[in-house]
Amino acid sequence: MQLITTIKLYELDCLSANAVAHLAGIPKAFFLTRKRKLAATWK
């Protein structure tokens, strides 16, 4: 759930990718990869 919440904050331009990755406790590259994969499943 935390990853989905941070993705939403990123999409709403509330936080940068670096800040979101730090908040989620994962590397930035991993966050961006997961964001793309999850976003593709939501559409």
N, C-alpha and C. Protein backbone atom coordinates (compact mmCIF):
# COMPACT_ATOMS: atom_id res chain seq x y z
N MET A 1 0.82 -1.20 0.00
CA MET A 1 0.00 0.00 0.00
C MET A 1 0.86 1.26 0.00
N GLN A 2 1.99 1.21 0.69
CA GLN A 2 2.84 2.39 0.78
C GLN A 2 3.38 2.78 -0.60
N LEU A 3 3.71 1.82 -1.42
CA LEU A 3 4.22 2.12 -2.76
C LEU A 3 3.15 2.79 -3.60
N ILE A 4 1.94 2.33 -3.52
CA ILE A 4 0.84 2.92 -4.29
C ILE A 4 0.59 4.35 -3.84
N THR A 5 0.64 4.59 -2.55
CA THR A 5 0.44 5.94 -2.02
C THR A 5 1.54 6.87 -2.50
N THR A 6 2.78 6.42 -2.46
CA THR A 6 3.87 7.28 -2.90
C THR A 6 3.81 7.54 -4.40
N ILE A 7 3.37 6.56 -5.18
CA ILE A 7 3.20 6.78 -6.62
C ILE A 7 2.18 7.87 -6.86
N LYS A 8 1.09 7.85 -6.11
CA LYS A 8 0.06 8.87 -6.28
C LYS A 8 0.59 10.25 -5.92
N LEU A 9 1.38 10.35 -4.85
CA LEU A 9 1.98 11.63 -4.48
C LEU A 9 2.89 12.15 -5.58
N TYR A 10 3.63 11.23 -6.21
CA TYR A 10 4.51 11.60 -7.32
C TYR A 10 3.69 12.08 -8.52
N GLU A 11 2.63 11.37 -8.84
CA GLU A 11 1.80 11.74 -9.98
C GLU A 11 1.12 13.09 -9.78
N LEU A 12 0.80 13.43 -8.54
CA LEU A 12 0.15 14.70 -8.24
C LEU A 12 1.15 15.85 -8.10
N ASP A 13 2.44 15.57 -8.36
CA ASP A 13 3.52 16.54 -8.24
C ASP A 13 3.66 17.10 -6.82
N CYS A 14 3.33 16.29 -5.84
CA CYS A 14 3.51 16.69 -4.45
C CYS A 14 4.94 16.47 -4.00
N LEU A 15 5.60 15.46 -4.57
CA LEU A 15 6.97 15.11 -4.19
C LEU A 15 7.77 14.75 -5.43
N SER A 16 9.08 14.93 -5.33
CA SER A 16 9.97 14.53 -6.41
C SER A 16 10.18 13.02 -6.38
N ALA A 17 10.76 12.49 -7.44
CA ALA A 17 11.05 11.06 -7.49
C ALA A 17 12.03 10.67 -6.39
N ASN A 18 13.00 11.52 -6.13
CA ASN A 18 13.96 11.23 -5.05
C ASN A 18 13.26 11.17 -3.69
N ALA A 19 12.40 12.14 -3.43
CA ALA A 19 11.70 12.19 -2.15
C ALA A 19 10.76 11.00 -1.98
N VAL A 20 10.07 10.65 -3.04
CA VAL A 20 9.14 9.53 -2.99
C VAL A 20 9.88 8.22 -2.76
N ALA A 21 10.99 8.03 -3.46
CA ALA A 21 11.77 6.81 -3.28
C ALA A 21 12.30 6.71 -1.85
N HIS A 22 12.75 7.83 -1.32
CA HIS A 22 13.22 7.84 0.07
C HIS A 22 12.08 7.50 1.03
N LEU A 23 10.93 8.08 0.80
CA LEU A 23 9.76 7.82 1.64
C LEU A 23 9.35 6.35 1.58
N ALA A 24 9.42 5.77 0.40
CA ALA A 24 9.06 4.36 0.23
C ALA A 24 10.17 3.43 0.70
N GLY A 25 11.37 3.99 0.89
CA GLY A 25 12.48 3.17 1.35
C GLY A 25 13.09 2.29 0.28
N ILE A 26 13.03 2.77 -0.96
CA ILE A 26 13.57 1.99 -2.09
C ILE A 26 14.44 2.90 -2.95
N PRO A 27 15.33 2.34 -3.77
CA PRO A 27 16.13 3.15 -4.68
C PRO A 27 15.24 3.86 -5.73
N LYS A 28 15.69 5.02 -6.17
CA LYS A 28 14.93 5.81 -7.14
C LYS A 28 14.66 5.03 -8.43
N ALA A 29 15.67 4.34 -8.94
CA ALA A 29 15.50 3.58 -10.19
C ALA A 29 14.43 2.50 -10.02
N PHE A 30 14.42 1.82 -8.88
CA PHE A 30 13.42 0.79 -8.63
C PHE A 30 12.03 1.42 -8.55
N PHE A 31 11.92 2.57 -7.90
CA PHE A 31 10.63 3.26 -7.81
C PHE A 31 10.10 3.59 -9.20
N LEU A 32 10.95 4.17 -10.04
CA LEU A 32 10.50 4.58 -11.37
C LEU A 32 10.09 3.37 -12.22
N THR A 33 10.81 2.27 -12.07
CA THR A 33 10.46 1.04 -12.80
C THR A 33 9.11 0.50 -12.32
N ARG A 34 8.93 0.42 -11.02
CA ARG A 34 7.67 -0.08 -10.47
C ARG A 34 6.51 0.84 -10.82
N LYS A 35 6.76 2.14 -10.83
CA LYS A 35 5.71 3.10 -11.15
C LYS A 35 5.20 2.86 -12.57
N ARG A 36 6.14 2.66 -13.50
CA ARG A 36 5.73 2.40 -14.90
C ARG A 36 4.91 1.12 -15.00
N LYS A 37 5.36 0.07 -14.32
CA LYS A 37 4.65 -1.21 -14.40
C LYS A 37 3.27 -1.12 -13.77
N LEU A 38 3.16 -0.47 -12.62
CA LEU A 38 1.87 -0.35 -11.97
C LEU A 38 0.93 0.57 -12.73
N ALA A 39 1.46 1.66 -13.25
CA ALA A 39 0.63 2.60 -14.01
C ALA A 39 0.05 1.94 -15.25
N ALA A 40 0.80 1.05 -15.87
CA ALA A 40 0.32 0.35 -17.06
C ALA A 40 -0.86 -0.57 -16.72
N THR A 41 -0.88 -1.13 -15.52
CA THR A 41 -1.96 -2.03 -15.14
C THR A 41 -3.22 -1.27 -14.73
N TRP A 42 -3.09 0.00 -14.34
CA TRP A 42 -4.24 0.79 -13.93
C TRP A 42 -5.06 1.31 -15.09
N LYS A 43 -4.47 1.36 -16.27
CA LYS A 43 -5.17 1.97 -17.43
C LYS A 43 -5.94 0.95 -18.21
